[in-house]
Structure formats: structure tokens, C-alpha cells
Amino acid sequence: MDWWLHLLPARMQAVWFGLTLLALLLLCLFGTARLVYEGEWLMAFVPAAGVVFLAFVLRTLLTLIARDLESAVHPGPDEERGPIE
């Protein structure tokens, strides 16, 4: 499901993850506030969904980092290996 993220430039990936984490934080805070102050147990699923979504975002980020490290350590046959700057 995250196949398209590597098509974005690095800055856009950072913006995407930053906005996603901000939305996740607001979602979790809203759900927790509703649960604590109004006692609505249905809203307890909002922070739980936020945690699952956070796990998805972190998995995607780690996949991108691992892919970049793998291509840096083991370049393809058509790529030149230059000095690390």
C-alpha cells in the first residue's frame, strides 16, 4: 500500500510523515479527552486506531530507510559506487 511513497522527493516524504504524525497526535488526544471527560467508551477506539495507524506509518518509514540503506550498501550492477561524502 506504500508503493507510491518512494516516488516522492525526500522533502515531500518528510512533509507527508510530519503531517501524518500531527494528525495522529490530534486524533489520539481527541479520543482520549472524550473517553476521560465524557466517559464515551466508543471513543476509546479512536486512540487504538491511532496506534495502529502509527504502527503503519513507522513500518512504512522503516521500509523506506531500509530500502535506501540496501541500495547504498549493495548498488545495482548498472550503478557506480562512489565515495561517501
N, C-alpha and C. Protein backbone atom coordinates (compact mmCIF):
# COMPACT_ATOMS: atom_id res chain seq x y z
N MET A 1 0.81 -1.19 0.00
CA MET A 1 0.00 0.00 0.00
C MET A 1 0.86 1.26 0.00
N ASP A 2 2.12 1.12 0.30
CA ASP A 2 3.00 2.27 0.37
C ASP A 2 3.95 2.32 -0.82
N TRP A 3 3.55 1.73 -1.92
CA TRP A 3 4.43 1.65 -3.09
C TRP A 3 4.72 3.01 -3.70
N TRP A 4 3.84 3.97 -3.51
CA TRP A 4 3.97 5.27 -4.16
C TRP A 4 4.86 6.23 -3.39
N LEU A 5 5.17 5.95 -2.13
CA LEU A 5 5.94 6.91 -1.33
C LEU A 5 7.35 7.11 -1.85
N HIS A 6 7.95 6.06 -2.40
CA HIS A 6 9.32 6.23 -2.89
C HIS A 6 9.37 7.08 -4.15
N LEU A 7 8.21 7.36 -4.75
CA LEU A 7 8.17 8.23 -5.92
C LEU A 7 8.29 9.71 -5.55
N LEU A 8 7.98 10.03 -4.30
CA LEU A 8 8.04 11.41 -3.84
C LEU A 8 9.49 11.80 -3.53
N PRO A 9 9.82 13.08 -3.70
CA PRO A 9 11.14 13.55 -3.27
C PRO A 9 11.27 13.43 -1.74
N ALA A 10 12.48 13.45 -1.25
CA ALA A 10 12.73 13.24 0.18
C ALA A 10 12.02 14.29 1.03
N ARG A 11 12.00 15.53 0.58
CA ARG A 11 11.34 16.58 1.36
C ARG A 11 9.85 16.35 1.46
N MET A 12 9.25 15.91 0.36
CA MET A 12 7.82 15.64 0.38
C MET A 12 7.51 14.43 1.27
N GLN A 13 8.41 13.46 1.31
CA GLN A 13 8.22 12.33 2.22
C GLN A 13 8.24 12.81 3.67
N ALA A 14 9.16 13.72 3.98
CA ALA A 14 9.24 14.26 5.34
C ALA A 14 7.98 15.04 5.68
N VAL A 15 7.48 15.83 4.74
CA VAL A 15 6.24 16.59 4.97
C VAL A 15 5.08 15.62 5.17
N TRP A 16 5.02 14.58 4.36
CA TRP A 16 3.95 13.59 4.47
C TRP A 16 3.96 12.94 5.85
N PHE A 17 5.11 12.51 6.31
CA PHE A 17 5.18 11.86 7.62
C PHE A 17 4.92 12.85 8.74
N GLY A 18 5.38 14.08 8.60
CA GLY A 18 5.11 15.08 9.63
C GLY A 18 3.63 15.37 9.77
N LEU A 19 2.95 15.57 8.66
CA LEU A 19 1.51 15.82 8.70
C LEU A 19 0.74 14.61 9.21
N THR A 20 1.19 13.44 8.84
CA THR A 20 0.54 12.22 9.31
C THR A 20 0.68 12.07 10.82
N LEU A 21 1.87 12.32 11.34
CA LEU A 21 2.07 12.22 12.78
C LEU A 21 1.30 13.30 13.54
N LEU A 22 1.20 14.49 12.98
CA LEU A 22 0.41 15.55 13.61
C LEU A 22 -1.06 15.17 13.66
N ALA A 23 -1.59 14.66 12.55
CA ALA A 23 -2.98 14.22 12.53
C ALA A 23 -3.21 13.08 13.51
N LEU A 24 -2.26 12.18 13.59
CA LEU A 24 -2.37 11.05 14.52
C LEU A 24 -2.38 11.53 15.96
N LEU A 25 -1.53 12.47 16.29
CA LEU A 25 -1.48 13.01 17.65
C LEU A 25 -2.81 13.68 18.01
N LEU A 26 -3.34 14.48 17.10
CA LEU A 26 -4.62 15.15 17.37
C LEU A 26 -5.75 14.14 17.52
N LEU A 27 -5.74 13.11 16.70
CA LEU A 27 -6.76 12.07 16.79
C LEU A 27 -6.70 11.35 18.13
N CYS A 28 -5.51 11.00 18.56
CA CYS A 28 -5.36 10.32 19.85
C CYS A 28 -5.76 11.22 21.01
N LEU A 29 -5.37 12.48 20.96
CA LEU A 29 -5.73 13.41 22.04
C LEU A 29 -7.23 13.62 22.10
N PHE A 30 -7.88 13.74 20.96
CA PHE A 30 -9.33 13.93 20.92
C PHE A 30 -10.04 12.71 21.49
N GLY A 31 -9.62 11.53 21.07
CA GLY A 31 -10.26 10.31 21.56
C GLY A 31 -10.05 10.11 23.05
N THR A 32 -8.86 10.40 23.54
CA THR A 32 -8.58 10.25 24.96
C THR A 32 -9.37 11.26 25.78
N ALA A 33 -9.47 12.48 25.30
CA ALA A 33 -10.24 13.51 26.01
C ALA A 33 -11.71 13.13 26.09
N ARG A 34 -12.26 12.63 25.00
CA ARG A 34 -13.66 12.22 25.02
C ARG A 34 -13.87 11.06 25.99
N LEU A 35 -12.92 10.15 26.03
CA LEU A 35 -13.04 9.00 26.93
C LEU A 35 -12.96 9.44 28.38
N VAL A 36 -12.02 10.31 28.71
CA VAL A 36 -11.81 10.71 30.10
C VAL A 36 -12.91 11.64 30.59
N TYR A 37 -13.25 12.65 29.80
CA TYR A 37 -14.16 13.68 30.29
C TYR A 37 -15.62 13.35 30.08
N GLU A 38 -15.95 12.59 29.07
CA GLU A 38 -17.36 12.31 28.81
C GLU A 38 -17.71 10.84 29.01
N GLY A 39 -16.73 10.00 29.25
CA GLY A 39 -16.99 8.60 29.53
C GLY A 39 -17.54 7.82 28.35
N GLU A 40 -17.27 8.26 27.15
CA GLU A 40 -17.76 7.56 25.96
C GLU A 40 -16.75 6.47 25.59
N TRP A 41 -17.11 5.24 25.86
CA TRP A 41 -16.19 4.13 25.62
C TRP A 41 -16.01 3.84 24.15
N LEU A 42 -16.99 4.24 23.35
CA LEU A 42 -16.84 4.04 21.91
C LEU A 42 -15.66 4.85 21.38
N MET A 43 -15.43 6.01 21.99
CA MET A 43 -14.32 6.84 21.55
C MET A 43 -12.96 6.28 21.98
N ALA A 44 -12.96 5.24 22.79
CA ALA A 44 -11.69 4.61 23.16
C ALA A 44 -11.07 3.92 21.95
N PHE A 45 -11.87 3.64 20.94
CA PHE A 45 -11.34 3.02 19.73
C PHE A 45 -10.54 4.01 18.89
N VAL A 46 -10.77 5.29 19.09
CA VAL A 46 -10.04 6.29 18.31
C VAL A 46 -8.54 6.26 18.64
N PRO A 47 -8.15 6.30 19.93
CA PRO A 47 -6.70 6.17 20.20
C PRO A 47 -6.14 4.82 19.76
N ALA A 48 -6.94 3.76 19.88
CA ALA A 48 -6.46 2.45 19.44
C ALA A 48 -6.22 2.45 17.93
N ALA A 49 -7.13 3.06 17.19
CA ALA A 49 -6.95 3.16 15.74
C ALA A 49 -5.74 4.04 15.43
N GLY A 50 -5.52 5.06 16.24
CA GLY A 50 -4.36 5.91 16.05
C GLY A 50 -3.06 5.16 16.25
N VAL A 51 -3.03 4.28 17.23
CA VAL A 51 -1.82 3.49 17.48
C VAL A 51 -1.55 2.53 16.33
N VAL A 52 -2.61 1.93 15.80
CA VAL A 52 -2.45 1.03 14.65
C VAL A 52 -1.94 1.82 13.45
N PHE A 53 -2.49 3.01 13.24
CA PHE A 53 -2.06 3.84 12.12
C PHE A 53 -0.62 4.29 12.31
N LEU A 54 -0.25 4.61 13.55
CA LEU A 54 1.14 4.99 13.83
C LEU A 54 2.08 3.83 13.51
N ALA A 55 1.68 2.62 13.85
CA ALA A 55 2.50 1.45 13.52
C ALA A 55 2.66 1.32 12.01
N PHE A 56 1.59 1.58 11.26
CA PHE A 56 1.65 1.53 9.80
C PHE A 56 2.62 2.58 9.26
N VAL A 57 2.53 3.79 9.79
CA VAL A 57 3.40 4.87 9.33
C VAL A 57 4.87 4.56 9.66
N LEU A 58 5.12 4.08 10.86
CA LEU A 58 6.50 3.75 11.24
C LEU A 58 7.05 2.59 10.41
N ARG A 59 6.20 1.61 10.11
CA ARG A 59 6.63 0.50 9.27
C ARG A 59 7.00 1.00 7.88
N THR A 60 6.19 1.91 7.36
CA THR A 60 6.47 2.47 6.04
C THR A 60 7.79 3.25 6.06
N LEU A 61 7.99 4.05 7.10
CA LEU A 61 9.23 4.83 7.21
C LEU A 61 10.44 3.91 7.32
N LEU A 62 10.35 2.88 8.13
CA LEU A 62 11.46 1.94 8.26
C LEU A 62 11.72 1.19 6.97
N THR A 63 10.67 0.88 6.22
CA THR A 63 10.84 0.23 4.92
C THR A 63 11.60 1.12 3.96
N LEU A 64 11.25 2.41 3.94
CA LEU A 64 11.95 3.35 3.06
C LEU A 64 13.42 3.49 3.46
N ILE A 65 13.68 3.58 4.75
CA ILE A 65 15.06 3.71 5.22
C ILE A 65 15.86 2.46 4.89
N ALA A 66 15.25 1.29 5.13
CA ALA A 66 15.95 0.04 4.84
C ALA A 66 16.23 -0.10 3.34
N ARG A 67 15.30 0.33 2.52
CA ARG A 67 15.50 0.26 1.07
C ARG A 67 16.63 1.18 0.64
N ASP A 68 16.68 2.38 1.22
CA ASP A 68 17.76 3.32 0.89
C ASP A 68 19.12 2.78 1.35
N LEU A 69 19.16 2.22 2.55
CA LEU A 69 20.42 1.66 3.05
C LEU A 69 20.86 0.47 2.21
N GLU A 70 19.92 -0.36 1.81
CA GLU A 70 20.26 -1.52 1.00
C GLU A 70 20.83 -1.09 -0.35
N SER A 71 20.22 -0.07 -0.96
CA SER A 71 20.74 0.39 -2.25
C SER A 71 22.08 1.11 -2.09
N ALA A 72 22.34 1.69 -0.91
CA ALA A 72 23.63 2.35 -0.69
C ALA A 72 24.74 1.33 -0.46
N VAL A 73 24.42 0.25 0.25
CA VAL A 73 25.43 -0.76 0.56
C VAL A 73 25.66 -1.69 -0.63
N HIS A 74 24.58 -2.08 -1.29
CA HIS A 74 24.68 -3.01 -2.42
C HIS A 74 24.10 -2.34 -3.66
N PRO A 75 24.88 -1.51 -4.34
CA PRO A 75 24.34 -0.85 -5.54
C PRO A 75 24.08 -1.87 -6.64
N GLY A 76 23.19 -1.50 -7.54
CA GLY A 76 22.86 -2.38 -8.65
C GLY A 76 24.04 -2.51 -9.60
N PRO A 77 23.96 -3.44 -10.55
CA PRO A 77 25.09 -3.64 -11.47
C PRO A 77 25.33 -2.45 -12.40
N ASP A 78 24.31 -1.64 -12.62
CA ASP A 78 24.48 -0.50 -13.53
C ASP A 78 24.86 0.78 -12.80
N GLU A 79 24.93 0.75 -11.48
CA GLU A 79 25.25 1.95 -10.71
C GLU A 79 26.73 1.95 -10.32
N GLU A 80 27.31 3.15 -10.34
CA GLU A 80 28.70 3.28 -9.88
C GLU A 80 28.71 3.48 -8.38
N ARG A 81 29.74 2.97 -7.78
CA ARG A 81 29.88 3.15 -6.34
C ARG A 81 30.92 4.23 -6.11
N GLY A 82 30.47 5.37 -5.61
CA GLY A 82 31.37 6.49 -5.41
C GLY A 82 31.75 6.64 -3.96
N PRO A 83 32.59 7.62 -3.66
CA PRO A 83 33.00 7.85 -2.27
C PRO A 83 31.83 8.41 -1.46
N ILE A 84 31.83 8.11 -0.20
CA ILE A 84 30.81 8.64 0.70
C ILE A 84 31.21 10.05 1.07
N GLU A 85 30.31 10.98 0.88
CA GLU A 85 30.62 12.39 1.17
C GLU A 85 29.91 12.84 2.40
